[in-house]
Amino acid sequence: MARESAGMAQDKLGVLIGLDEGCSSARISRYETGIHEAPFKVAESLAAALNVPVAYFYCPDDVLAEFLLLLHGLSPKKQKKLLNHLLNPRKPG
């Protein structure tokens, strides 16, 4: 989903992370379909190329993955503010 959201073709993404042009599309396809699991270093490269946190690729469900993407898009200051709010919600009163 991250690659498609970025509007990037499989072969272009593969070449961008250093895969051989002749096999890049097939390798990315195998990672996306789960036929092969990308080594963590490759996952880090994919995350950097797609501007997503590497944890995104390991989320057990789409809701958590979407939350990570939203959190990733916030500044560190806003991340801390949101975390504080989640940990210490104000009670209506």
N, C-alpha and C. Protein backbone atom coordinates (compact mmCIF):
# COMPACT_ATOMS: atom_id res chain seq x y z
N MET A 1 0.82 -1.19 0.00
CA MET A 1 0.00 0.00 0.00
C MET A 1 0.87 1.26 0.00
N ALA A 2 1.97 1.22 0.72
CA ALA A 2 2.83 2.41 0.80
C ALA A 2 3.42 2.73 -0.57
N ARG A 3 3.82 1.70 -1.29
CA ARG A 3 4.39 1.93 -2.63
C ARG A 3 3.34 2.49 -3.57
N GLU A 4 2.15 1.93 -3.54
CA GLU A 4 1.07 2.41 -4.41
C GLU A 4 0.67 3.84 -4.04
N SER A 5 0.63 4.13 -2.74
CA SER A 5 0.30 5.49 -2.30
C SER A 5 1.34 6.50 -2.78
N ALA A 6 2.58 6.04 -2.88
CA ALA A 6 3.66 6.91 -3.36
C ALA A 6 3.66 7.01 -4.88
N GLY A 7 2.82 6.20 -5.55
CA GLY A 7 2.76 6.23 -7.00
C GLY A 7 4.03 5.73 -7.66
N MET A 8 4.66 4.74 -7.03
CA MET A 8 5.94 4.26 -7.52
C MET A 8 5.80 2.83 -8.06
N ALA A 9 6.38 2.59 -9.19
CA ALA A 9 6.37 1.26 -9.78
C ALA A 9 7.33 0.35 -9.01
N GLN A 10 7.05 -0.95 -9.03
CA GLN A 10 7.88 -1.91 -8.32
C GLN A 10 9.33 -1.86 -8.78
N ASP A 11 9.53 -1.81 -10.08
CA ASP A 11 10.91 -1.80 -10.59
C ASP A 11 11.67 -0.55 -10.16
N LYS A 12 10.98 0.59 -10.17
CA LYS A 12 11.63 1.85 -9.76
C LYS A 12 12.02 1.80 -8.28
N LEU A 13 11.12 1.28 -7.45
CA LEU A 13 11.41 1.17 -6.02
C LEU A 13 12.59 0.24 -5.79
N GLY A 14 12.60 -0.89 -6.48
CA GLY A 14 13.71 -1.83 -6.33
C GLY A 14 15.04 -1.21 -6.69
N VAL A 15 15.09 -0.51 -7.81
CA VAL A 15 16.34 0.14 -8.23
C VAL A 15 16.73 1.22 -7.22
N LEU A 16 15.75 1.95 -6.71
CA LEU A 16 16.00 3.01 -5.74
C LEU A 16 16.68 2.49 -4.47
N ILE A 17 16.36 1.26 -4.09
CA ILE A 17 16.97 0.71 -2.88
C ILE A 17 18.20 -0.15 -3.18
N GLY A 18 18.61 -0.17 -4.45
CA GLY A 18 19.86 -0.82 -4.80
C GLY A 18 19.76 -2.21 -5.40
N LEU A 19 18.55 -2.63 -5.76
CA LEU A 19 18.41 -3.93 -6.40
C LEU A 19 18.78 -3.82 -7.88
N ASP A 20 19.21 -4.93 -8.46
CA ASP A 20 19.53 -4.98 -9.88
C ASP A 20 18.26 -4.70 -10.69
N GLU A 21 18.38 -3.88 -11.71
CA GLU A 21 17.23 -3.47 -12.52
C GLU A 21 16.50 -4.67 -13.13
N GLY A 22 17.24 -5.73 -13.47
CA GLY A 22 16.65 -6.88 -14.12
C GLY A 22 15.74 -7.71 -13.23
N CYS A 23 15.93 -7.62 -11.92
CA CYS A 23 15.13 -8.44 -11.02
C CYS A 23 14.36 -7.61 -9.99
N SER A 24 14.48 -6.30 -10.05
CA SER A 24 13.90 -5.46 -8.99
C SER A 24 12.38 -5.60 -8.88
N SER A 25 11.69 -5.62 -10.00
CA SER A 25 10.23 -5.72 -9.97
C SER A 25 9.79 -7.05 -9.35
N ALA A 26 10.43 -8.14 -9.75
CA ALA A 26 10.08 -9.45 -9.21
C ALA A 26 10.36 -9.54 -7.72
N ARG A 27 11.48 -8.99 -7.26
CA ARG A 27 11.83 -9.05 -5.83
C ARG A 27 10.82 -8.25 -5.01
N ILE A 28 10.50 -7.04 -5.46
CA ILE A 28 9.52 -6.22 -4.73
C ILE A 28 8.17 -6.93 -4.71
N SER A 29 7.78 -7.52 -5.81
CA SER A 29 6.52 -8.26 -5.87
C SER A 29 6.50 -9.39 -4.86
N ARG A 30 7.60 -10.12 -4.74
CA ARG A 30 7.67 -11.23 -3.77
C ARG A 30 7.58 -10.73 -2.34
N TYR A 31 8.17 -9.57 -2.07
CA TYR A 31 8.05 -8.99 -0.73
C TYR A 31 6.61 -8.57 -0.46
N GLU A 32 5.98 -7.94 -1.43
CA GLU A 32 4.62 -7.45 -1.24
C GLU A 32 3.60 -8.58 -1.06
N THR A 33 3.79 -9.67 -1.77
CA THR A 33 2.84 -10.78 -1.68
C THR A 33 3.14 -11.72 -0.53
N GLY A 34 4.29 -11.54 0.12
CA GLY A 34 4.65 -12.38 1.24
C GLY A 34 5.31 -13.69 0.86
N ILE A 35 5.64 -13.86 -0.41
CA ILE A 35 6.36 -15.06 -0.84
C ILE A 35 7.73 -15.11 -0.15
N HIS A 36 8.37 -13.95 -0.07
CA HIS A 36 9.64 -13.82 0.64
C HIS A 36 9.52 -12.67 1.62
N GLU A 37 10.21 -12.78 2.74
CA GLU A 37 10.27 -11.68 3.70
C GLU A 37 11.56 -10.92 3.47
N ALA A 38 11.43 -9.62 3.35
CA ALA A 38 12.62 -8.79 3.14
C ALA A 38 13.50 -8.80 4.39
N PRO A 39 14.81 -8.94 4.23
CA PRO A 39 15.69 -8.77 5.38
C PRO A 39 15.48 -7.38 6.00
N PHE A 40 15.75 -7.27 7.30
CA PHE A 40 15.46 -6.00 7.98
C PHE A 40 16.16 -4.81 7.33
N LYS A 41 17.39 -4.99 6.89
CA LYS A 41 18.12 -3.89 6.23
C LYS A 41 17.39 -3.46 4.96
N VAL A 42 16.83 -4.41 4.22
CA VAL A 42 16.06 -4.07 3.02
C VAL A 42 14.78 -3.35 3.43
N ALA A 43 14.13 -3.81 4.49
CA ALA A 43 12.92 -3.14 4.99
C ALA A 43 13.23 -1.70 5.38
N GLU A 44 14.39 -1.48 6.00
CA GLU A 44 14.80 -0.12 6.35
C GLU A 44 14.98 0.74 5.10
N SER A 45 15.57 0.16 4.07
CA SER A 45 15.76 0.90 2.81
C SER A 45 14.42 1.21 2.15
N LEU A 46 13.52 0.24 2.17
CA LEU A 46 12.18 0.45 1.61
C LEU A 46 11.44 1.56 2.37
N ALA A 47 11.53 1.51 3.69
CA ALA A 47 10.86 2.52 4.52
C ALA A 47 11.40 3.92 4.21
N ALA A 48 12.71 4.03 4.09
CA ALA A 48 13.31 5.32 3.78
C ALA A 48 12.88 5.81 2.40
N ALA A 49 12.86 4.92 1.42
CA ALA A 49 12.47 5.30 0.06
C ALA A 49 11.01 5.71 -0.02
N LEU A 50 10.18 5.09 0.81
CA LEU A 50 8.74 5.38 0.78
C LEU A 50 8.30 6.38 1.84
N ASN A 51 9.25 6.84 2.66
CA ASN A 51 8.98 7.79 3.73
C ASN A 51 7.91 7.29 4.70
N VAL A 52 8.11 6.06 5.16
CA VAL A 52 7.24 5.48 6.18
C VAL A 52 8.14 4.91 7.27
N PRO A 53 7.63 4.76 8.48
CA PRO A 53 8.46 4.13 9.51
C PRO A 53 8.60 2.64 9.20
N VAL A 54 9.74 2.06 9.50
CA VAL A 54 9.96 0.65 9.19
C VAL A 54 8.95 -0.24 9.92
N ALA A 55 8.49 0.18 11.07
CA ALA A 55 7.49 -0.58 11.82
C ALA A 55 6.19 -0.76 11.03
N TYR A 56 5.94 0.13 10.09
CA TYR A 56 4.74 0.04 9.24
C TYR A 56 4.64 -1.32 8.58
N PHE A 57 5.77 -1.87 8.14
CA PHE A 57 5.76 -3.14 7.42
C PHE A 57 5.46 -4.34 8.32
N TYR A 58 5.54 -4.14 9.62
CA TYR A 58 5.36 -5.24 10.56
C TYR A 58 4.06 -5.12 11.37
N CYS A 59 3.20 -4.20 11.01
CA CYS A 59 1.94 -4.02 11.73
C CYS A 59 1.02 -5.21 11.50
N PRO A 60 0.38 -5.70 12.56
CA PRO A 60 -0.50 -6.84 12.42
C PRO A 60 -1.86 -6.51 11.79
N ASP A 61 -2.20 -5.21 11.73
CA ASP A 61 -3.47 -4.86 11.11
C ASP A 61 -3.39 -3.47 10.47
N ASP A 62 -4.35 -3.19 9.61
CA ASP A 62 -4.35 -1.94 8.85
C ASP A 62 -4.58 -0.71 9.72
N VAL A 63 -5.34 -0.85 10.81
CA VAL A 63 -5.62 0.30 11.68
C VAL A 63 -4.32 0.77 12.34
N LEU A 64 -3.55 -0.15 12.85
CA LEU A 64 -2.29 0.21 13.48
C LEU A 64 -1.32 0.80 12.46
N ALA A 65 -1.30 0.22 11.27
CA ALA A 65 -0.43 0.74 10.21
C ALA A 65 -0.82 2.18 9.86
N GLU A 66 -2.10 2.44 9.75
CA GLU A 66 -2.56 3.80 9.44
C GLU A 66 -2.20 4.76 10.57
N PHE A 67 -2.35 4.31 11.81
CA PHE A 67 -1.98 5.15 12.95
C PHE A 67 -0.50 5.50 12.90
N LEU A 68 0.34 4.52 12.59
CA LEU A 68 1.78 4.79 12.49
C LEU A 68 2.10 5.81 11.41
N LEU A 69 1.39 5.71 10.27
CA LEU A 69 1.62 6.68 9.21
C LEU A 69 1.23 8.09 9.64
N LEU A 70 0.12 8.19 10.34
CA LEU A 70 -0.31 9.51 10.83
C LEU A 70 0.68 10.05 11.85
N LEU A 71 1.12 9.21 12.75
CA LEU A 71 2.08 9.63 13.77
C LEU A 71 3.40 10.03 13.13
N HIS A 72 3.83 9.28 12.14
CA HIS A 72 5.07 9.56 11.43
C HIS A 72 5.05 10.93 10.76
N GLY A 73 3.86 11.36 10.34
CA GLY A 73 3.73 12.65 9.66
C GLY A 73 3.73 13.85 10.58
N LEU A 74 3.68 13.62 11.88
CA LEU A 74 3.66 14.72 12.84
C LEU A 74 5.09 15.11 13.24
N SER A 75 5.25 16.35 13.62
CA SER A 75 6.53 16.80 14.15
C SER A 75 6.78 16.12 15.49
N PRO A 76 8.04 16.01 15.91
CA PRO A 76 8.32 15.40 17.22
C PRO A 76 7.56 16.08 18.37
N LYS A 77 7.42 17.38 18.29
CA LYS A 77 6.69 18.11 19.34
C LYS A 77 5.22 17.67 19.37
N LYS A 78 4.61 17.55 18.19
CA LYS A 78 3.21 17.12 18.14
C LYS A 78 3.06 15.65 18.51
N GLN A 79 4.05 14.84 18.21
CA GLN A 79 4.02 13.43 18.63
C GLN A 79 4.00 13.34 20.15
N LYS A 80 4.85 14.11 20.80
CA LYS A 80 4.90 14.11 22.26
C LYS A 80 3.59 14.61 22.86
N LYS A 81 3.03 15.64 22.26
CA LYS A 81 1.76 16.18 22.74
C LYS A 81 0.65 15.14 22.63
N LEU A 82 0.60 14.44 21.51
CA LEU A 82 -0.41 13.40 21.32
C LEU A 82 -0.21 12.26 22.30
N LEU A 83 1.04 11.84 22.49
CA LEU A 83 1.33 10.78 23.45
C LEU A 83 0.88 11.18 24.85
N ASN A 84 1.19 12.39 25.24
CA ASN A 84 0.78 12.88 26.55
C ASN A 84 -0.74 12.87 26.68
N HIS A 85 -1.42 13.29 25.63
CA HIS A 85 -2.88 13.31 25.65
C HIS A 85 -3.44 11.89 25.77
N LEU A 86 -2.85 10.94 25.06
CA LEU A 86 -3.33 9.56 25.12
C LEU A 86 -3.07 8.93 26.49
N LEU A 87 -1.95 9.29 27.09
CA LEU A 87 -1.61 8.74 28.39
C LEU A 87 -2.37 9.42 29.54
N ASN A 88 -2.73 10.67 29.33
CA ASN A 88 -3.41 11.45 30.39
C ASN A 88 -4.64 12.15 29.81
N PRO A 89 -5.65 11.40 29.41
CA PRO A 89 -6.84 12.05 28.83
C PRO A 89 -7.57 12.87 29.89
N ARG A 90 -8.09 13.98 29.46
CA ARG A 90 -8.88 14.83 30.36
C ARG A 90 -10.26 14.26 30.48
N LYS A 91 -10.71 14.19 31.70
CA LYS A 91 -12.05 13.68 31.94
C LYS A 91 -13.04 14.81 31.73
N PRO A 92 -14.15 14.52 31.03
CA PRO A 92 -15.17 15.57 30.86
C PRO A 92 -15.74 15.94 32.22
N GLY A 93 -16.05 17.20 32.36
CA GLY A 93 -16.57 17.52 33.66
C GLY A 93 -17.10 18.83 33.77
